[in-house]
N, C-alpha and C. Protein backbone atom coordinates (compact mmCIF):
# COMPACT_ATOMS: atom_id res chain seq x y z
N MET A 1 -23.43 10.87 14.50
CA MET A 1 -22.61 10.57 13.35
C MET A 1 -21.14 10.79 13.73
N SER A 2 -20.31 9.80 13.45
CA SER A 2 -18.90 9.96 13.77
C SER A 2 -18.13 10.35 12.50
N SER A 3 -17.12 11.13 12.73
CA SER A 3 -16.29 11.53 11.60
C SER A 3 -15.00 10.73 11.68
N HIS A 4 -14.44 10.44 10.54
CA HIS A 4 -13.21 9.66 10.53
C HIS A 4 -12.33 10.14 9.38
N GLU A 5 -11.08 9.76 9.46
CA GLU A 5 -10.14 10.04 8.38
C GLU A 5 -9.84 8.71 7.70
N PRO A 6 -10.17 8.59 6.41
CA PRO A 6 -9.98 7.31 5.73
C PRO A 6 -8.50 6.97 5.55
N LEU A 7 -8.23 5.70 5.43
CA LEU A 7 -6.88 5.22 5.21
C LEU A 7 -6.36 5.69 3.85
N HIS A 8 -7.25 5.80 2.90
CA HIS A 8 -6.87 6.19 1.53
C HIS A 8 -7.76 7.33 1.05
N ASP A 9 -7.14 8.30 0.42
CA ASP A 9 -7.88 9.44 -0.15
C ASP A 9 -7.62 9.44 -1.65
N ALA A 10 -8.56 8.94 -2.41
CA ALA A 10 -8.39 8.82 -3.86
C ALA A 10 -8.16 10.17 -4.53
N ASP A 11 -8.69 11.24 -3.96
CA ASP A 11 -8.50 12.57 -4.54
C ASP A 11 -7.05 13.04 -4.46
N ASN A 12 -6.30 12.49 -3.53
CA ASN A 12 -4.90 12.90 -3.36
C ASN A 12 -3.91 11.82 -3.79
N GLU A 13 -4.40 10.80 -4.46
CA GLU A 13 -3.52 9.72 -4.89
C GLU A 13 -2.66 10.17 -6.06
N VAL A 14 -1.37 10.00 -5.91
CA VAL A 14 -0.43 10.36 -6.96
C VAL A 14 0.63 9.27 -7.05
N HIS A 15 0.86 8.80 -8.24
CA HIS A 15 1.95 7.85 -8.49
C HIS A 15 2.92 8.53 -9.43
N ASP A 16 3.81 9.34 -8.86
CA ASP A 16 4.80 10.04 -9.67
C ASP A 16 5.76 9.05 -10.31
N VAL A 17 6.12 8.03 -9.56
CA VAL A 17 7.04 7.01 -10.05
C VAL A 17 6.35 5.66 -9.91
N VAL A 18 6.21 4.97 -11.02
CA VAL A 18 5.65 3.63 -10.99
C VAL A 18 6.81 2.66 -11.10
N LEU A 19 6.95 1.83 -10.10
CA LEU A 19 8.05 0.86 -10.07
C LEU A 19 7.85 -0.20 -11.13
N ALA A 20 8.96 -0.74 -11.63
CA ALA A 20 8.88 -1.92 -12.49
C ALA A 20 8.31 -3.05 -11.64
N LEU A 21 7.59 -3.96 -12.28
CA LEU A 21 6.90 -5.01 -11.54
C LEU A 21 7.81 -5.81 -10.60
N PRO A 22 9.01 -6.23 -11.01
CA PRO A 22 9.85 -6.99 -10.08
C PRO A 22 10.20 -6.19 -8.81
N GLN A 23 10.44 -4.90 -8.95
CA GLN A 23 10.75 -4.06 -7.78
C GLN A 23 9.51 -3.89 -6.89
N ALA A 24 8.35 -3.74 -7.51
CA ALA A 24 7.12 -3.59 -6.74
C ALA A 24 6.82 -4.87 -5.95
N ILE A 25 7.06 -6.01 -6.58
CA ILE A 25 6.85 -7.30 -5.90
C ILE A 25 7.83 -7.44 -4.74
N GLU A 26 9.08 -7.13 -4.98
CA GLU A 26 10.10 -7.23 -3.93
C GLU A 26 9.74 -6.33 -2.74
N ARG A 27 9.33 -5.11 -3.04
CA ARG A 27 8.96 -4.17 -1.97
C ARG A 27 7.74 -4.66 -1.20
N ALA A 28 6.74 -5.18 -1.92
CA ALA A 28 5.54 -5.69 -1.26
C ALA A 28 5.88 -6.85 -0.34
N ARG A 29 6.73 -7.75 -0.79
CA ARG A 29 7.14 -8.88 0.05
C ARG A 29 7.89 -8.42 1.30
N LYS A 30 8.76 -7.42 1.11
CA LYS A 30 9.53 -6.90 2.24
C LYS A 30 8.60 -6.29 3.29
N VAL A 31 7.66 -5.46 2.85
CA VAL A 31 6.75 -4.81 3.79
C VAL A 31 5.84 -5.85 4.43
N LEU A 32 5.37 -6.83 3.66
CA LEU A 32 4.54 -7.89 4.23
C LEU A 32 5.29 -8.64 5.32
N ASP A 33 6.56 -8.95 5.08
CA ASP A 33 7.37 -9.62 6.11
C ASP A 33 7.53 -8.74 7.35
N GLU A 34 7.80 -7.45 7.13
CA GLU A 34 7.97 -6.53 8.26
C GLU A 34 6.69 -6.41 9.09
N LYS A 35 5.57 -6.28 8.42
CA LYS A 35 4.30 -6.04 9.12
C LYS A 35 3.71 -7.31 9.73
N SER A 36 4.20 -8.46 9.31
CA SER A 36 3.64 -9.72 9.82
C SER A 36 3.93 -9.92 11.30
N THR A 37 4.88 -9.19 11.85
CA THR A 37 5.20 -9.33 13.27
C THR A 37 4.50 -8.29 14.15
N ALA A 38 3.65 -7.48 13.54
CA ALA A 38 2.94 -6.44 14.31
C ALA A 38 2.03 -7.08 15.35
N ASN A 39 1.95 -6.44 16.49
CA ASN A 39 1.11 -6.91 17.60
C ASN A 39 -0.34 -6.56 17.31
N ILE A 40 -1.16 -7.56 17.13
CA ILE A 40 -2.56 -7.34 16.78
C ILE A 40 -3.32 -6.60 17.90
N HIS A 41 -2.79 -6.60 19.10
CA HIS A 41 -3.44 -5.92 20.23
C HIS A 41 -2.96 -4.48 20.41
N ASP A 42 -2.06 -4.05 19.53
CA ASP A 42 -1.53 -2.69 19.60
C ASP A 42 -2.13 -1.86 18.46
N ARG A 43 -3.03 -0.98 18.82
CA ARG A 43 -3.77 -0.17 17.83
C ARG A 43 -2.83 0.59 16.90
N ASP A 44 -1.81 1.22 17.46
CA ASP A 44 -0.88 1.99 16.64
C ASP A 44 -0.11 1.10 15.66
N GLU A 45 0.31 -0.06 16.10
CA GLU A 45 1.00 -0.98 15.20
C GLU A 45 0.08 -1.44 14.08
N MET A 46 -1.18 -1.68 14.40
CA MET A 46 -2.13 -2.12 13.39
C MET A 46 -2.39 -1.01 12.37
N ILE A 47 -2.45 0.22 12.84
CA ILE A 47 -2.64 1.35 11.91
C ILE A 47 -1.43 1.47 10.99
N ARG A 48 -0.23 1.38 11.55
CA ARG A 48 0.98 1.46 10.73
C ARG A 48 1.05 0.29 9.74
N ALA A 49 0.66 -0.89 10.19
CA ALA A 49 0.67 -2.05 9.30
C ALA A 49 -0.34 -1.86 8.16
N ALA A 50 -1.53 -1.43 8.50
CA ALA A 50 -2.56 -1.23 7.48
C ALA A 50 -2.11 -0.19 6.46
N TYR A 51 -1.55 0.90 6.94
CA TYR A 51 -1.10 1.96 6.03
C TYR A 51 0.04 1.45 5.13
N GLY A 52 1.01 0.80 5.73
CA GLY A 52 2.14 0.30 4.95
C GLY A 52 1.72 -0.72 3.90
N LEU A 53 0.83 -1.62 4.29
CA LEU A 53 0.39 -2.65 3.36
C LEU A 53 -0.48 -2.08 2.24
N GLN A 54 -1.36 -1.14 2.57
CA GLN A 54 -2.18 -0.57 1.51
C GLN A 54 -1.33 0.24 0.55
N TYR A 55 -0.28 0.88 1.05
CA TYR A 55 0.61 1.67 0.20
C TYR A 55 1.33 0.78 -0.81
N VAL A 56 1.91 -0.33 -0.36
CA VAL A 56 2.63 -1.19 -1.29
C VAL A 56 1.68 -1.94 -2.21
N LEU A 57 0.47 -2.23 -1.74
CA LEU A 57 -0.52 -2.86 -2.60
C LEU A 57 -0.91 -1.92 -3.73
N ARG A 58 -1.09 -0.65 -3.42
CA ARG A 58 -1.41 0.33 -4.47
C ARG A 58 -0.25 0.49 -5.44
N ASP A 59 0.98 0.47 -4.93
CA ASP A 59 2.15 0.52 -5.81
C ASP A 59 2.21 -0.70 -6.72
N LEU A 60 1.92 -1.86 -6.15
CA LEU A 60 1.94 -3.10 -6.93
C LEU A 60 0.88 -3.05 -8.03
N LEU A 61 -0.31 -2.57 -7.69
CA LEU A 61 -1.37 -2.46 -8.70
C LEU A 61 -1.02 -1.43 -9.77
N ALA A 62 -0.38 -0.34 -9.39
CA ALA A 62 0.04 0.66 -10.37
C ALA A 62 1.06 0.05 -11.33
N SER A 63 1.96 -0.76 -10.83
CA SER A 63 2.95 -1.44 -11.68
C SER A 63 2.27 -2.41 -12.63
N LEU A 64 1.31 -3.17 -12.11
CA LEU A 64 0.57 -4.10 -12.96
C LEU A 64 -0.23 -3.36 -14.02
N ASP A 65 -0.89 -2.29 -13.62
CA ASP A 65 -1.65 -1.49 -14.57
C ASP A 65 -0.76 -0.95 -15.68
N ALA A 66 0.42 -0.47 -15.30
CA ALA A 66 1.35 0.06 -16.30
C ALA A 66 1.80 -1.04 -17.26
N LEU A 67 2.06 -2.22 -16.72
CA LEU A 67 2.52 -3.33 -17.55
C LEU A 67 1.41 -3.82 -18.48
N LEU A 68 0.19 -3.88 -17.97
CA LEU A 68 -0.92 -4.44 -18.73
C LEU A 68 -1.74 -3.41 -19.49
N GLY A 69 -1.35 -2.14 -19.35
CA GLY A 69 -2.06 -1.09 -20.05
C GLY A 69 -3.41 -0.75 -19.43
N GLY A 70 -3.55 -1.03 -18.14
CA GLY A 70 -4.79 -0.73 -17.43
C GLY A 70 -4.82 0.71 -16.99
N ARG A 71 -5.69 1.00 -16.03
CA ARG A 71 -5.81 2.38 -15.57
C ARG A 71 -4.56 2.81 -14.84
N LYS A 72 -4.29 4.06 -14.90
CA LYS A 72 -3.07 4.62 -14.31
C LYS A 72 -3.39 5.27 -12.99
């Protein structure tokens, strides 16, 4: 059995500041543009890209949830 550290830990998820939707969208687009040039053959770059993208995606969803009255 192998042990691993997950990319996301729901037990430690905290959104102290939820961005307004336009800011969350802008930030997500910026990070997506930045990470799109990552070298797919470079493990460290892929880890950084995955972490950065999942972070802004969670921020974007938190903004949508706040706007639509969904889960926080």
